[in-house]
Amino acid sequence: MPQLNPNPWFSIMIMTWLTFSLIIQPKTLSFTPTNTPTNKTPSITKNHPWVWPWS
């Protein structure tokens, strides 16, 4: 079964992982978000019971 032979695919996976973690990830993490998170005060909603017309 050729799927059990990790010889070519393991090196490709390691190189891809290293490329992502060392080159691509720091570049994407350096971007600043456009919308900074703000603290929002929770609004208290009052529940009104439903009046059933047939009761």
C-alpha atoms as a PDB file:
ATOM      1  CA  MET A   1       0.000   0.000   0.000  1.00  0.00           C
ATOM      2  CA  PRO A   2       1.685   3.226  -1.095  1.00  0.00           C
ATOM      3  CA  GLN A   3      -0.223   5.345   1.452  1.00  0.00           C
ATOM      4  CA  LEU A   4       1.880   3.864   4.225  1.00  0.00           C
ATOM      5  CA  ASN A   5       5.139   5.032   2.714  1.00  0.00           C
ATOM      6  CA  PRO A   6       5.798   8.451   4.319  1.00  0.00           C
ATOM      7  CA  ASN A   7       8.998   9.039   2.391  1.00  0.00           C
ATOM      8  CA  PRO A   8       7.922  11.735  -0.120  1.00  0.00           C
ATOM      9  CA  TRP A   9       4.879  13.118   1.712  1.00  0.00           C
ATOM     10  CA  PHE A  10       6.389  13.647   5.120  1.00  0.00           C
ATOM     11  CA  SER A  11       9.069  15.979   3.783  1.00  0.00           C
ATOM     12  CA  ILE A  12       6.471  17.898   1.760  1.00  0.00           C
ATOM     13  CA  MET A  13       4.294  18.276   4.849  1.00  0.00           C
ATOM     14  CA  ILE A  14       7.208  19.475   6.980  1.00  0.00           C
ATOM     15  CA  MET A  15       8.342  21.989   4.362  1.00  0.00           C
ATOM     16  CA  THR A  16       4.806  23.304   3.946  1.00  0.00           C
ATOM     17  CA  TRP A  17       4.347  23.610   7.693  1.00  0.00           C
ATOM     18  CA  LEU A  18       7.656  25.420   8.099  1.00  0.00           C
ATOM     19  CA  THR A  19       6.861  27.765   5.227  1.00  0.00           C
ATOM     20  CA  PHE A  20       3.545  28.622   6.768  1.00  0.00           C
ATOM     21  CA  SER A  21       4.786  29.047  10.315  1.00  0.00           C
ATOM     22  CA  LEU A  22       7.983  30.955   9.541  1.00  0.00           C
ATOM     23  CA  ILE A  23       7.052  33.089   6.530  1.00  0.00           C
ATOM     24  CA  ILE A  24       3.319  33.392   5.961  1.00  0.00           C
ATOM     25  CA  GLN A  25       2.036  33.481   9.527  1.00  0.00           C
ATOM     26  CA  PRO A  26       4.171  36.422  10.766  1.00  0.00           C
ATOM     27  CA  LYS A  27       3.171  38.444   7.719  1.00  0.00           C
ATOM     28  CA  THR A  28      -0.528  37.881   8.303  1.00  0.00           C
ATOM     29  CA  LEU A  29      -0.261  38.513  12.043  1.00  0.00           C
ATOM     30  CA  SER A  30       1.426  41.866  11.470  1.00  0.00           C
ATOM     31  CA  PHE A  31      -1.738  43.333   9.940  1.00  0.00           C
ATOM     32  CA  THR A  32      -3.721  45.544  12.248  1.00  0.00           C
ATOM     33  CA  PRO A  33      -7.450  44.918  12.396  1.00  0.00           C
ATOM     34  CA  THR A  34      -9.645  47.635  10.951  1.00  0.00           C
ATOM     35  CA  ASN A  35     -12.301  47.357  13.650  1.00  0.00           C
ATOM     36  CA  THR A  36     -10.830  47.296  17.109  1.00  0.00           C
ATOM     37  CA  PRO A  37     -13.001  45.542  19.681  1.00  0.00           C
ATOM     38  CA  THR A  38     -14.773  47.796  22.130  1.00  0.00           C
ATOM     39  CA  ASN A  39     -16.511  47.057  25.384  1.00  0.00           C
ATOM     40  CA  LYS A  40     -20.237  47.109  24.887  1.00  0.00           C
ATOM     41  CA  THR A  41     -22.561  47.651  27.782  1.00  0.00           C
ATOM     42  CA  PRO A  42     -25.115  44.860  28.014  1.00  0.00           C
ATOM     43  CA  SER A  43     -28.641  46.029  27.424  1.00  0.00           C
ATOM     44  CA  ILE A  44     -31.296  44.593  29.691  1.00  0.00           C
ATOM     45  CA  THR A  45     -34.360  43.505  27.805  1.00  0.00           C
ATOM     46  CA  LYS A  46     -37.677  43.060  29.526  1.00  0.00           C
ATOM     47  CA  ASN A  47     -39.696  40.078  28.440  1.00  0.00           C
ATOM     48  CA  HIS A  48     -43.406  40.630  27.987  1.00  0.00           C
ATOM     49  CA  PRO A  49     -45.646  37.596  28.283  1.00  0.00           C
ATOM     50  CA  TRP A  50     -47.678  36.704  25.256  1.00  0.00           C
ATOM     51  CA  VAL A  51     -51.403  37.127  25.689  1.00  0.00           C
ATOM     52  CA  TRP A  52     -53.190  34.268  24.002  1.00  0.00           C
ATOM     53  CA  PRO A  53     -56.533  35.316  22.531  1.00  0.00           C
ATOM     54  CA  TRP A  54     -58.228  31.996  23.261  1.00  0.00           C
ATOM     55  CA  SER A  55     -57.361  31.726  26.943  1.00  0.00           C
END
